[in-house]
Structure formats: C-alpha cells, structure tokens
PDB file of N, CA and C in Angstrom:
ATOM      1  N   MET A   1     -64.890  81.910 -12.552  1.00  0.00           N
ATOM      2  CA  MET A   1     -63.975  82.766 -13.922  1.00  0.00           C
ATOM      3  C   MET A   1     -63.085  81.222 -13.280  1.00  0.00           C
ATOM      4  N   MET A   2     -62.506  80.607 -12.345  1.00  0.00           N
ATOM      5  CA  MET A   2     -61.605  79.801 -11.949  1.00  0.00           C
ATOM      6  C   MET A   2     -62.226  78.618 -12.710  1.00  0.00           C
ATOM      7  N   LEU A   3     -63.096  78.053 -12.498  1.00  0.00           N
ATOM      8  CA  LEU A   3     -63.316  76.788 -13.202  1.00  0.00           C
ATOM      9  C   LEU A   3     -63.789  77.022 -14.688  1.00  0.00           C
ATOM     10  N   PHE A   4     -63.936  78.297 -15.549  1.00  0.00           N
ATOM     11  CA  PHE A   4     -64.612  78.188 -16.770  1.00  0.00           C
ATOM     12  C   PHE A   4     -62.846  78.109 -17.469  1.00  0.00           C
ATOM     13  N   GLY A   5     -61.494  78.832 -16.467  1.00  0.00           N
ATOM     14  CA  GLY A   5     -60.399  78.705 -17.179  1.00  0.00           C
ATOM     15  C   GLY A   5     -59.519  77.476 -16.970  1.00  0.00           C
ATOM     16  N   SER A   6     -60.078  76.149 -16.088  1.00  0.00           N
ATOM     17  CA  SER A   6     -59.826  75.205 -16.172  1.00  0.00           C
ATOM     18  C   SER A   6     -60.054  74.617 -17.233  1.00  0.00           C
ATOM     19  N   SER A   7     -59.570  72.679 -17.161  1.00  0.00           N
ATOM     20  CA  SER A   7     -60.403  72.339 -17.808  1.00  0.00           C
ATOM     21  C   SER A   7     -61.325  70.901 -16.779  1.00  0.00           C
ATOM     22  N   LEU A   8     -61.577  71.533 -15.830  1.00  0.00           N
ATOM     23  CA  LEU A   8     -61.976  70.678 -15.026  1.00  0.00           C
ATOM     24  C   LEU A   8     -64.195  70.537 -15.158  1.00  0.00           C
ATOM     25  N   PRO A   9     -64.405  69.551 -14.918  1.00  0.00           N
ATOM     26  CA  PRO A   9     -65.984  69.415 -14.885  1.00  0.00           C
ATOM     27  C   PRO A   9     -66.580  70.396 -13.760  1.00  0.00           C
ATOM     28  N   ARG A  10     -68.180  70.197 -14.160  1.00  0.00           N
ATOM     29  CA  ARG A  10     -68.402  71.500 -13.159  1.00  0.00           C
ATOM     30  C   ARG A  10     -69.078  70.791 -11.767  1.00  0.00           C
ATOM     31  N   SER A  11     -68.491  69.431 -11.654  1.00  0.00           N
ATOM     32  CA  SER A  11     -69.296  68.931 -10.340  1.00  0.00           C
ATOM     33  C   SER A  11     -67.939  69.743  -9.368  1.00  0.00           C
ATOM     34  N   PHE A  12     -66.612  70.281 -10.140  1.00  0.00           N
ATOM     35  CA  PHE A  12     -65.580  71.092  -9.210  1.00  0.00           C
ATOM     36  C   PHE A  12     -66.416  72.484  -8.493  1.00  0.00           C
ATOM     37  N   TRP A  13     -67.717  72.819  -8.861  1.00  0.00           N
ATOM     38  CA  TRP A  13     -67.876  73.839  -8.032  1.00  0.00           C
ATOM     39  C   TRP A  13     -67.956  74.080  -6.792  1.00  0.00           C
ATOM     40  N   GLY A  14     -67.852  73.531  -6.027  1.00  0.00           N
ATOM     41  CA  GLY A  14     -67.774  73.452  -4.327  1.00  0.00           C
ATOM     42  C   GLY A  14     -66.630  73.776  -4.140  1.00  0.00           C
ATOM     43  N   TYR A  15     -65.543  72.998  -4.897  1.00  0.00           N
ATOM     44  CA  TYR A  15     -64.453  73.150  -4.311  1.00  0.00           C
ATOM     45  C   TYR A  15     -63.671  74.678  -4.730  1.00  0.00           C
ATOM     46  N   ALA A  16     -64.151  74.714  -6.297  1.00  0.00           N
ATOM     47  CA  ALA A  16     -64.150  76.288  -6.349  1.00  0.00           C
ATOM     48  C   ALA A  16     -64.541  77.370  -5.585  1.00  0.00           C
ATOM     49  N   ILE A  17     -65.623  77.264  -4.879  1.00  0.00           N
ATOM     50  CA  ILE A  17     -66.528  77.879  -3.847  1.00  0.00           C
ATOM     51  C   ILE A  17     -65.522  78.035  -2.793  1.00  0.00           C
ATOM     52  N   LEU A  18     -65.141  77.339  -2.450  1.00  0.00           N
ATOM     53  CA  LEU A  18     -64.560  77.020  -1.017  1.00  0.00           C
ATOM     54  C   LEU A  18     -63.148  77.955  -1.177  1.00  0.00           C
ATOM     55  N   TYR A  19     -62.629  77.374  -2.297  1.00  0.00           N
ATOM     56  CA  TYR A  19     -60.968  78.240  -2.392  1.00  0.00           C
ATOM     57  C   TYR A  19     -61.098  79.321  -2.715  1.00  0.00           C
ATOM     58  N   THR A  20     -62.173  80.260  -3.455  1.00  0.00           N
ATOM     59  CA  THR A  20     -62.149  81.573  -3.943  1.00  0.00           C
ATOM     60  C   THR A  20     -62.354  81.883  -2.356  1.00  0.00           C
ATOM     61  N   THR A  21     -63.327  81.686  -1.255  1.00  0.00           N
ATOM     62  CA  THR A  21     -63.654  82.083  -0.080  1.00  0.00           C
ATOM     63  C   THR A  21     -62.513  82.312   0.600  1.00  0.00           C
ATOM     64  N   HIS A  22     -61.604  80.831   0.704  1.00  0.00           N
ATOM     65  CA  HIS A  22     -60.319  81.085   1.446  1.00  0.00           C
ATOM     66  C   HIS A  22     -59.600  82.394   0.970  1.00  0.00           C
ATOM     67  N   VAL A  23     -59.488  82.252  -0.290  1.00  0.00           N
ATOM     68  CA  VAL A  23     -58.488  83.164  -0.551  1.00  0.00           C
ATOM     69  C   VAL A  23     -58.640  85.133  -0.556  1.00  0.00           C
ATOM     70  N   LEU A  24     -60.429  85.187  -0.924  1.00  0.00           N
ATOM     71  CA  LEU A  24     -60.890  86.648  -0.561  1.00  0.00           C
ATOM     72  C   LEU A  24     -60.580  86.713   0.938  1.00  0.00           C
ATOM     73  N   ASN A  25     -60.796  85.971   1.905  1.00  0.00           N
ATOM     74  CA  ASN A  25     -60.306  86.155   3.201  1.00  0.00           C
ATOM     75  C   ASN A  25     -59.092  86.709   3.737  1.00  0.00           C
ATOM     76  N   LYS A  26     -58.165  86.329   2.770  1.00  0.00           N
ATOM     77  CA  LYS A  26     -56.303  86.375   3.203  1.00  0.00           C
ATOM     78  C   LYS A  26     -55.960  87.592   2.099  1.00  0.00           C
ATOM     79  N   VAL A  27     -56.641  88.393   1.628  1.00  0.00           N
ATOM     80  CA  VAL A  27     -56.504  89.604   0.861  1.00  0.00           C
ATOM     81  C   VAL A  27     -57.208  90.718   1.362  1.00  0.00           C
ATOM     82  N   ILE A  28     -56.409  92.102   1.033  1.00  0.00           N
ATOM     83  CA  ILE A  28     -57.257  93.444   1.262  1.00  0.00           C
ATOM     84  C   ILE A  28     -58.422  93.351   0.472  1.00  0.00           C
ATOM     85  N   ASN A  29     -59.639  94.067   1.063  1.00  0.00           N
ATOM     86  CA  ASN A  29     -60.835  94.450  -0.276  1.00  0.00           C
ATOM     87  C   ASN A  29     -61.016  95.584  -0.313  1.00  0.00           C
ATOM     88  N   ARG A  30     -61.169  96.107  -1.756  1.00  0.00           N
ATOM     89  CA  ARG A  30     -61.296  97.316  -1.890  1.00  0.00           C
ATOM     90  C   ARG A  30     -61.998  98.579  -1.051  1.00  0.00           C
ATOM     91  N   GLY A  31     -63.127  97.931  -0.577  1.00  0.00           N
ATOM     92  CA  GLY A  31     -64.007  98.456  -0.552  1.00  0.00           C
ATOM     93  C   GLY A  31     -64.087  99.131   1.013  1.00  0.00           C
ATOM     94  N   THR A  32     -63.046  98.146   2.270  1.00  0.00           N
ATOM     95  CA  THR A  32     -63.096  98.990   3.423  1.00  0.00           C
ATOM     96  C   THR A  32     -61.771  99.862   3.204  1.00  0.00           C
ATOM     97  N   SER A  33     -62.075 100.821   4.523  1.00  0.00           N
ATOM     98  CA  SER A  33     -61.056 101.945   4.532  1.00  0.00           C
ATOM     99  C   SER A  33     -59.768 101.414   5.475  1.00  0.00           C
ATOM    100  N   THR A  34     -59.925 100.243   6.059  1.00  0.00           N
ATOM    101  CA  THR A  34     -58.828  99.894   6.696  1.00  0.00           C
ATOM    102  C   THR A  34     -57.618  98.861   5.400  1.00  0.00           C
ATOM    103  N   LYS A  35     -56.659  99.115   5.557  1.00  0.00           N
ATOM    104  CA  LYS A  35     -55.682  98.396   4.586  1.00  0.00           C
ATOM    105  C   LYS A  35     -55.362  97.378   5.429  1.00  0.00           C
ATOM    106  N   LYS A  36     -56.673  96.267   6.042  1.00  0.00           N
ATOM    107  CA  LYS A  36     -56.124  94.982   6.531  1.00  0.00           C
ATOM    108  C   LYS A  36     -56.934  93.978   5.886  1.00  0.00           C
ATOM    109  N   THR A  37     -56.769  92.890   5.959  1.00  0.00           N
ATOM    110  CA  THR A  37     -57.619  91.607   5.664  1.00  0.00           C
ATOM    111  C   THR A  37     -58.818  91.017   6.259  1.00  0.00           C
ATOM    112  N   PRO A  38     -59.606  90.920   6.112  1.00  0.00           N
ATOM    113  CA  PRO A  38     -60.735  90.251   7.019  1.00  0.00           C
ATOM    114  C   PRO A  38     -60.332  89.167   7.729  1.00  0.00           C
ATOM    115  N   TYR A  39     -59.252  88.348   7.638  1.00  0.00           N
ATOM    116  CA  TYR A  39     -58.236  87.001   8.401  1.00  0.00           C
ATOM    117  C   TYR A  39     -57.557  87.838   9.565  1.00  0.00           C
ATOM    118  N   HIS A  40     -56.540  89.349   8.979  1.00  0.00           N
ATOM    119  CA  HIS A  40     -56.391  90.384   9.933  1.00  0.00           C
ATOM    120  C   HIS A  40     -57.471  90.570  11.102  1.00  0.00           C
ATOM    121  N   LEU A  41     -58.438  91.044  10.688  1.00  0.00           N
ATOM    122  CA  LEU A  41     -59.412  92.226  11.445  1.00  0.00           C
ATOM    123  C   LEU A  41     -59.697  90.430  12.351  1.00  0.00           C
ATOM    124  N   TYR A  42     -60.321  89.777  11.974  1.00  0.00           N
ATOM    125  CA  TYR A  42     -60.916  88.428  12.691  1.00  0.00           C
ATOM    126  C   TYR A  42     -59.533  88.113  14.006  1.00  0.00           C
ATOM    127  N   THR A  43     -58.353  87.887  13.595  1.00  0.00           N
ATOM    128  CA  THR A  43     -57.134  87.211  14.381  1.00  0.00           C
ATOM    129  C   THR A  43     -56.370  88.061  15.128  1.00  0.00           C
ATOM    130  N   GLY A  44     -56.416  89.313  14.229  1.00  0.00           N
ATOM    131  CA  GLY A  44     -55.248  90.384  14.881  1.00  0.00           C
ATOM    132  C   GLY A  44     -53.597  90.022  14.171  1.00  0.00           C
ATOM    133  N   SER A  45     -53.702  88.661  13.388  1.00  0.00           N
ATOM    134  CA  SER A  45     -52.359  88.557  12.896  1.00  0.00           C
ATOM    135  C   SER A  45     -52.672  88.857  11.349  1.00  0.00           C
ATOM    136  N   ARG A  46     -51.386  89.074  11.132  1.00  0.00           N
ATOM    137  CA  ARG A  46     -51.335  89.011   9.591  1.00  0.00           C
ATOM    138  C   ARG A  46     -51.793  87.759   8.851  1.00  0.00           C
ATOM    139  N   PRO A  47     -52.091  87.592   7.874  1.00  0.00           N
ATOM    140  CA  PRO A  47     -51.930  86.241   7.028  1.00  0.00           C
ATOM    141  C   PRO A  47     -50.871  86.035   6.345  1.00  0.00           C
ATOM    142  N   SER A  48     -50.578  84.073   5.840  1.00  0.00           N
ATOM    143  CA  SER A  48     -49.738  83.793   5.293  1.00  0.00           C
ATOM    144  C   SER A  48     -50.228  83.239   4.032  1.00  0.00           C
ATOM    145  N   ILE A  49     -49.941  83.724   3.239  1.00  0.00           N
ATOM    146  CA  ILE A  49     -50.303  83.572   1.714  1.00  0.00           C
ATOM    147  C   ILE A  49     -49.230  82.383   1.180  1.00  0.00           C
ATOM    148  N   THR A  50     -47.903  81.740   1.416  1.00  0.00           N
ATOM    149  CA  THR A  50     -47.570  80.960   0.731  1.00  0.00           C
ATOM    150  C   THR A  50     -48.303  79.872   0.379  1.00  0.00           C
ATOM    151  N   HIS A  51     -49.018  79.348   1.101  1.00  0.00           N
ATOM    152  CA  HIS A  51     -49.320  78.270   0.832  1.00  0.00           C
ATOM    153  C   HIS A  51     -50.492  78.155  -0.400  1.00  0.00           C
ATOM    154  N   LEU A  52     -51.241  79.335  -1.143  1.00  0.00           N
ATOM    155  CA  LEU A  52     -51.796  79.932  -1.808  1.00  0.00           C
ATOM    156  C   LEU A  52     -51.315  79.319  -3.747  1.00  0.00           C
ATOM    157  N   ARG A  53     -52.251  79.269  -4.187  1.00  0.00           N
ATOM    158  CA  ARG A  53     -52.022  78.239  -5.692  1.00  0.00           C
ATOM    159  C   ARG A  53     -53.345  78.502  -6.807  1.00  0.00           C
ATOM    160  N   SER A  54     -52.691  78.270  -8.039  1.00  0.00           N
ATOM    161  CA  SER A  54     -53.407  79.084  -8.891  1.00  0.00           C
ATOM    162  C   SER A  54     -54.238  77.683  -8.979  1.00  0.00           C
ATOM    163  N   PHE A  55     -55.706  78.012  -8.983  1.00  0.00           N
ATOM    164  CA  PHE A  55     -56.812  76.808  -8.844  1.00  0.00           C
ATOM    165  C   PHE A  55     -57.076  76.038 -10.471  1.00  0.00           C
ATOM    166  N   GLY A  56     -56.528  74.896 -10.303  1.00  0.00           N
ATOM    167  CA  GLY A  56     -57.036  74.371 -11.575  1.00  0.00           C
ATOM    168  C   GLY A  56     -55.048  73.822 -12.161  1.00  0.00           C
ATOM    169  N   CYS A  57     -54.407  74.355 -11.537  1.00  0.00           N
ATOM    170  CA  CYS A  57     -52.796  74.307 -12.125  1.00  0.00           C
ATOM    171  C   CYS A  57     -52.441  73.199 -11.938  1.00  0.00           C
ATOM    172  N   GLY A  58     -51.673  72.409 -12.711  1.00  0.00           N
ATOM    173  CA  GLY A  58     -51.014  70.901 -12.793  1.00  0.00           C
ATOM    174  C   GLY A  58     -50.228  70.882 -11.341  1.00  0.00           C
ATOM    175  N   ALA A  59     -50.072  69.843 -10.769  1.00  0.00           N
ATOM    176  CA  ALA A  59     -49.266  69.219  -9.886  1.00  0.00           C
ATOM    177  C   ALA A  59     -48.710  68.024  -9.892  1.00  0.00           C
ATOM    178  N   GLN A  60     -48.202  67.524  -9.102  1.00  0.00           N
ATOM    179  CA  GLN A  60     -47.265  65.997  -9.035  1.00  0.00           C
ATOM    180  C   GLN A  60     -47.114  65.794  -7.761  1.00  0.00           C
ATOM    181  N   VAL A  61     -48.142  64.262  -7.566  1.00  0.00           N
ATOM    182  CA  VAL A  61     -48.171  63.965  -6.120  1.00  0.00           C
ATOM    183  C   VAL A  61     -47.203  62.824  -6.436  1.00  0.00           C
ATOM    184  N   LEU A  62     -46.287  63.100  -4.932  1.00  0.00           N
ATOM    185  CA  LEU A  62     -45.834  61.893  -4.416  1.00  0.00           C
ATOM    186  C   LEU A  62     -46.909  60.966  -3.639  1.00  0.00           C
ATOM    187  N   LEU A  63     -46.177  59.221  -4.797  1.00  0.00           N
ATOM    188  CA  LEU A  63     -47.007  58.571  -3.577  1.00  0.00           C
ATOM    189  C   LEU A  63     -46.600  57.747  -2.921  1.00  0.00           C
ATOM    190  N   THR A  64     -46.836  57.765  -1.580  1.00  0.00           N
ATOM    191  CA  THR A  64     -46.486  57.037  -0.607  1.00  0.00           C
ATOM    192  C   THR A  64     -46.688  55.372  -0.428  1.00  0.00           C
ATOM    193  N   GLY A  65     -46.232  54.868  -0.105  1.00  0.00           N
ATOM    194  CA  GLY A  65     -46.293  53.310   0.379  1.00  0.00           C
ATOM    195  C   GLY A  65     -46.156  52.632  -0.919  1.00  0.00           C
ATOM    196  N   VAL A  66     -45.390  52.956  -1.860  1.00  0.00           N
ATOM    197  CA  VAL A  66     -45.582  52.005  -3.330  1.00  0.00           C
ATOM    198  C   VAL A  66     -44.447  50.790  -2.961  1.00  0.00           C
ATOM    199  N   LYS A  67     -44.940  49.614  -3.047  1.00  0.00           N
ATOM    200  CA  LYS A  67     -44.129  48.880  -2.359  1.00  0.00           C
ATOM    201  C   LYS A  67     -43.143  48.297  -3.738  1.00  0.00           C
ATOM    202  N   ASP A  68     -44.008  48.079  -5.519  1.00  0.00           N
ATOM    203  CA  ASP A  68     -43.025  48.458  -6.214  1.00  0.00           C
ATOM    204  C   ASP A  68     -42.181  48.816  -6.535  1.00  0.00           C
ATOM    205  N   LYS A  69     -40.950  48.653  -6.750  1.00  0.00           N
ATOM    206  CA  LYS A  69     -40.186  49.593  -7.143  1.00  0.00           C
ATOM    207  C   LYS A  69     -39.872  50.416  -8.344  1.00  0.00           C
ATOM    208  N   LEU A  70     -40.466  49.334  -9.354  1.00  0.00           N
ATOM    209  CA  LEU A  70     -40.583  49.774 -10.495  1.00  0.00           C
ATOM    210  C   LEU A  70     -41.846  50.809 -11.183  1.00  0.00           C
ATOM    211  N   ALA A  71     -42.765  50.890 -10.082  1.00  0.00           N
ATOM    212  CA  ALA A  71     -43.944  51.141 -10.002  1.00  0.00           C
ATOM    213  C   ALA A  71     -43.683  52.735  -9.973  1.00  0.00           C
ATOM    214  N   PRO A  72     -44.463  54.013 -10.925  1.00  0.00           N
ATOM    215  CA  PRO A  72     -44.617  55.483 -11.138  1.00  0.00           C
ATOM    216  C   PRO A  72     -44.414  55.718  -9.338  1.00  0.00           C
ATOM    217  N   HIS A  73     -43.629  56.504  -8.708  1.00  0.00           N
ATOM    218  CA  HIS A  73     -43.913  57.524  -7.241  1.00  0.00           C
ATOM    219  C   HIS A  73     -44.670  58.417  -7.532  1.00  0.00           C
ATOM    220  N   LEU A  74     -44.778  58.999  -8.909  1.00  0.00           N
ATOM    221  CA  LEU A  74     -45.176  60.701  -8.764  1.00  0.00           C
ATOM    222  C   LEU A  74     -45.994  60.452  -9.776  1.00  0.00           C
ATOM    223  N   VAL A  75     -47.672  60.899  -9.288  1.00  0.00           N
ATOM    224  CA  VAL A  75     -48.805  60.871 -10.126  1.00  0.00           C
ATOM    225  C   VAL A  75     -49.111  62.275 -10.576  1.00  0.00           C
ATOM    226  N   ARG A  76     -48.984  62.582 -12.089  1.00  0.00           N
ATOM    227  CA  ARG A  76     -49.553  63.835 -12.851  1.00  0.00           C
ATOM    228  C   ARG A  76     -51.431  64.498 -11.824  1.00  0.00           C
ATOM    229  N   GLU A  77     -51.633  65.360 -11.401  1.00  0.00           N
ATOM    230  CA  GLU A  77     -53.148  65.559 -11.368  1.00  0.00           C
ATOM    231  C   GLU A  77     -53.436  67.024 -11.032  1.00  0.00           C
ATOM    232  N   VAL A  78     -54.108  67.670 -10.683  1.00  0.00           N
ATOM    233  CA  VAL A  78     -54.743  68.741 -11.147  1.00  0.00           C
ATOM    234  C   VAL A  78     -55.315  69.043  -9.627  1.00  0.00           C
ATOM    235  N   PHE A  79     -54.522  70.822  -9.065  1.00  0.00           N
ATOM    236  CA  PHE A  79     -55.068  71.022  -7.740  1.00  0.00           C
ATOM    237  C   PHE A  79     -56.301  72.033  -7.603  1.00  0.00           C
ATOM    238  N   ILE A  80     -57.113  71.380  -6.815  1.00  0.00           N
ATOM    239  CA  ILE A  80     -58.393  71.894  -6.736  1.00  0.00           C
ATOM    240  C   ILE A  80     -58.618  72.605  -5.547  1.00  0.00           C
ATOM    241  N   GLY A  81     -57.565  72.440  -4.316  1.00  0.00           N
ATOM    242  CA  GLY A  81     -58.048  72.778  -3.086  1.00  0.00           C
ATOM    243  C   GLY A  81     -57.322  72.687  -1.784  1.00  0.00           C
ATOM    244  N   LEU A  82     -57.826  73.240  -0.745  1.00  0.00           N
ATOM    245  CA  LEU A  82     -57.047  73.255   0.712  1.00  0.00           C
ATOM    246  C   LEU A  82     -57.659  72.253   1.351  1.00  0.00           C
ATOM    247  N   SER A  83     -57.182  71.210   2.190  1.00  0.00           N
ATOM    248  CA  SER A  83     -57.879  70.528   3.396  1.00  0.00           C
ATOM    249  C   SER A  83     -58.288  71.242   4.323  1.00  0.00           C
ATOM    250  N   GLU A  84     -59.256  71.264   4.699  1.00  0.00           N
ATOM    251  CA  GLU A  84     -60.144  71.888   5.684  1.00  0.00           C
ATOM    252  C   GLU A  84     -59.559  71.208   6.881  1.00  0.00           C
ATOM    253  N   ASN A  85     -59.175  70.022   6.942  1.00  0.00           N
ATOM    254  CA  ASN A  85     -58.920  69.189   8.500  1.00  0.00           C
ATOM    255  C   ASN A  85     -57.472  69.633   8.592  1.00  0.00           C
ATOM    256  N   LYS A  86     -56.178  69.616   7.855  1.00  0.00           N
ATOM    257  CA  LYS A  86     -55.062  69.500   8.085  1.00  0.00           C
ATOM    258  C   LYS A  86     -54.370  69.898   6.684  1.00  0.00           C
ATOM    259  N   LYS A  87     -52.897  70.425   7.186  1.00  0.00           N
ATOM    260  CA  LYS A  87     -52.303  71.421   6.192  1.00  0.00           C
ATOM    261  C   LYS A  87     -51.846  70.868   4.967  1.00  0.00           C
ATOM    262  N   ALA A  88     -52.832  70.380   4.102  1.00  0.00           N
ATOM    263  CA  ALA A  88     -52.648  69.697   2.787  1.00  0.00           C
ATOM    264  C   ALA A  88     -53.555  70.084   1.478  1.00  0.00           C
ATOM    265  N   TYR A  89     -52.899  70.168   0.505  1.00  0.00           N
ATOM    266  CA  TYR A  89     -54.071  70.284  -0.864  1.00  0.00           C
ATOM    267  C   TYR A  89     -54.714  69.017  -1.395  1.00  0.00           C
ATOM    268  N   ILE A  90     -55.802  69.740  -1.985  1.00  0.00           N
ATOM    269  CA  ILE A  90     -56.693  68.542  -2.429  1.00  0.00           C
ATOM    270  C   ILE A  90     -56.261  68.620  -4.425  1.00  0.00           C
ATOM    271  N   VAL A  91     -56.173  67.381  -4.441  1.00  0.00           N
ATOM    272  CA  VAL A  91     -55.863  67.380  -5.922  1.00  0.00           C
ATOM    273  C   VAL A  91     -56.720  66.353  -6.887  1.00  0.00           C
ATOM    274  N   TYR A  92     -56.881  66.423  -7.581  1.00  0.00           N
ATOM    275  CA  TYR A  92     -57.886  65.577  -8.535  1.00  0.00           C
ATOM    276  C   TYR A  92     -57.285  65.020  -9.873  1.00  0.00           C
ATOM    277  N   ASP A  93     -56.841  63.642  -9.637  1.00  0.00           N
ATOM    278  CA  ASP A  93     -56.948  62.604 -10.977  1.00  0.00           C
ATOM    279  C   ASP A  93     -57.612  62.443 -12.098  1.00  0.00           C
ATOM    280  N   GLY A  94     -57.118  62.808 -12.923  1.00  0.00           N
ATOM    281  CA  GLY A  94     -58.566  62.677 -14.122  1.00  0.00           C
ATOM    282  C   GLY A  94     -58.126  61.148 -14.189  1.00  0.00           C
ATOM    283  N   SER A  95     -57.260  60.724 -14.159  1.00  0.00           N
ATOM    284  CA  SER A  95     -57.289  59.313 -14.853  1.00  0.00           C
ATOM    285  C   SER A  95     -58.295  58.262 -14.400  1.00  0.00           C
ATOM    286  N   THR A  96     -58.008  58.657 -12.739  1.00  0.00           N
ATOM    287  CA  THR A  96     -59.009  57.441 -12.185  1.00  0.00           C
ATOM    288  C   THR A  96     -60.290  58.094 -11.893  1.00  0.00           C
ATOM    289  N   ARG A  97     -60.387  59.821 -12.065  1.00  0.00           N
ATOM    290  CA  ARG A  97     -61.657  60.177 -11.428  1.00  0.00           C
ATOM    291  C   ARG A  97     -61.561  60.334  -9.744  1.00  0.00           C
ATOM    292  N   LYS A  98     -60.720  60.637  -8.925  1.00  0.00           N
ATOM    293  CA  LYS A  98     -60.699  60.129  -7.530  1.00  0.00           C
ATOM    294  C   LYS A  98     -59.554  61.821  -7.407  1.00  0.00           C
ATOM    295  N   THR A  99     -60.241  62.256  -6.041  1.00  0.00           N
ATOM    296  CA  THR A  99     -59.297  63.283  -5.498  1.00  0.00           C
ATOM    297  C   THR A  99     -58.655  62.873  -4.077  1.00  0.00           C
ATOM    298  N   HIS A 100     -57.383  63.566  -3.867  1.00  0.00           N
ATOM    299  CA  HIS A 100     -56.685  62.881  -2.769  1.00  0.00           C
ATOM    300  C   HIS A 100     -56.313  63.691  -2.372  1.00  0.00           C
ATOM    301  N   ILE A 101     -55.451  63.897  -0.839  1.00  0.00           N
ATOM    302  CA  ILE A 101     -54.943  65.122   0.016  1.00  0.00           C
ATOM    303  C   ILE A 101     -53.679  64.475   0.077  1.00  0.00           C
ATOM    304  N   SER A 102     -52.994  65.025  -0.070  1.00  0.00           N
ATOM    305  CA  SER A 102     -51.476  65.036  -0.093  1.00  0.00           C
ATOM    306  C   SER A 102     -50.887  66.229   0.276  1.00  0.00           C
ATOM    307  N   ARG A 103     -49.764  66.259   1.281  1.00  0.00           N
ATOM    308  CA  ARG A 103     -48.787  67.734   1.481  1.00  0.00           C
ATOM    309  C   ARG A 103     -47.519  67.578   0.428  1.00  0.00           C
ATOM    310  N   ASP A 104     -47.212  65.953  -0.054  1.00  0.00           N
ATOM    311  CA  ASP A 104     -46.337  66.358  -1.096  1.00  0.00           C
ATOM    312  C   ASP A 104     -46.346  66.511  -2.323  1.00  0.00           C
ATOM    313  N   VAL A 105     -46.568  67.588  -2.904  1.00  0.00           N
ATOM    314  CA  VAL A 105     -47.305  68.171  -4.339  1.00  0.00           C
ATOM    315  C   VAL A 105     -45.779  69.120  -4.765  1.00  0.00           C
ATOM    316  N   VAL A 106     -45.859  69.334  -6.289  1.00  0.00           N
ATOM    317  CA  VAL A 106     -45.306  70.421  -6.649  1.00  0.00           C
ATOM    318  C   VAL A 106     -46.306  70.708  -7.771  1.00  0.00           C
ATOM    319  N   PHE A 107     -45.937  72.041  -7.722  1.00  0.00           N
ATOM    320  CA  PHE A 107     -46.860  72.941  -8.501  1.00  0.00           C
ATOM    321  C   PHE A 107     -46.361  73.402 -10.053  1.00  0.00           C
ATOM    322  N   TYR A 108     -47.577  73.406 -11.120  1.00  0.00           N
ATOM    323  CA  TYR A 108     -46.757  73.763 -11.985  1.00  0.00           C
ATOM    324  C   TYR A 108     -47.775  75.014 -12.769  1.00  0.00           C
ATOM    325  N   GLU A 109     -47.322  75.993 -12.245  1.00  0.00           N
ATOM    326  CA  GLU A 109     -48.269  77.529 -12.294  1.00  0.00           C
ATOM    327  C   GLU A 109     -48.324  78.569 -13.356  1.00  0.00           C
ATOM    328  N   GLY A 110     -46.920  77.987 -13.977  1.00  0.00           N
ATOM    329  CA  GLY A 110     -46.909  78.794 -15.086  1.00  0.00           C
ATOM    330  C   GLY A 110     -46.878  78.240 -16.321  1.00  0.00           C
ATOM    331  N   GLY A 111     -47.980  79.182 -17.185  1.00  0.00           N
ATOM    332  CA  GLY A 111     -48.063  78.541 -18.317  1.00  0.00           C
ATOM    333  C   GLY A 111     -49.353  77.897 -18.874  1.00  0.00           C
TER     334      GLY A 111
END
C-alpha cells in the first residue's frame, strides 16, 4: 500500500518491504496478549520511533562538499528507507535517478 500511495517506480518494492518490516518490529501487534513490541520482547528495552517517517514523503537533503558558492546546497528528493549500516536515511533523487544516504534531511510529510 505504501508503494501505491507514492509516485515511485515498482523497482522500490525492496525498500518498501524492508521499511515495513522495520516499522512492524517497532509497533505493538494486535495478535499478542502482551502489550510489548517485538523489539521490546527481543531486546528488553522500549523502541524509539522518532526516526520513523512516511514512506515516499518529500525530503530536502543538504549537499556536503559543494565547492561552488552559487550552486544549490539543498536538493529535493523522496524518502525511501533507512540505512542498515549507519543512522541515516535513504532518499531517491528523481532527476538523476540515484539513491543517496544522508543524515542531513528535512522531511515534508504533511499533504
């Protein structure tokens, strides 16, 4: 459902599945009798959900290492997931058709 709601190509199914799995591990499941998330049952600590964002929402990424003062320093992209190796977001740039991993991201989830 997340992929159909966004304007992303079908090649992003893998990102959608990984992000859905991550979210489901951080929220309480209805079928369990305990009021604990799978993450809480596995680690013994409550999960943080402050890093969760809407899949396919707009994002602005700060470009680092730009040498030209007049070049744009912010790029409009789309959020598609979380990095597995570091605390960062994976975003997709539709104009260049490339994915980037960045921590310097501002999200636009409303509307």
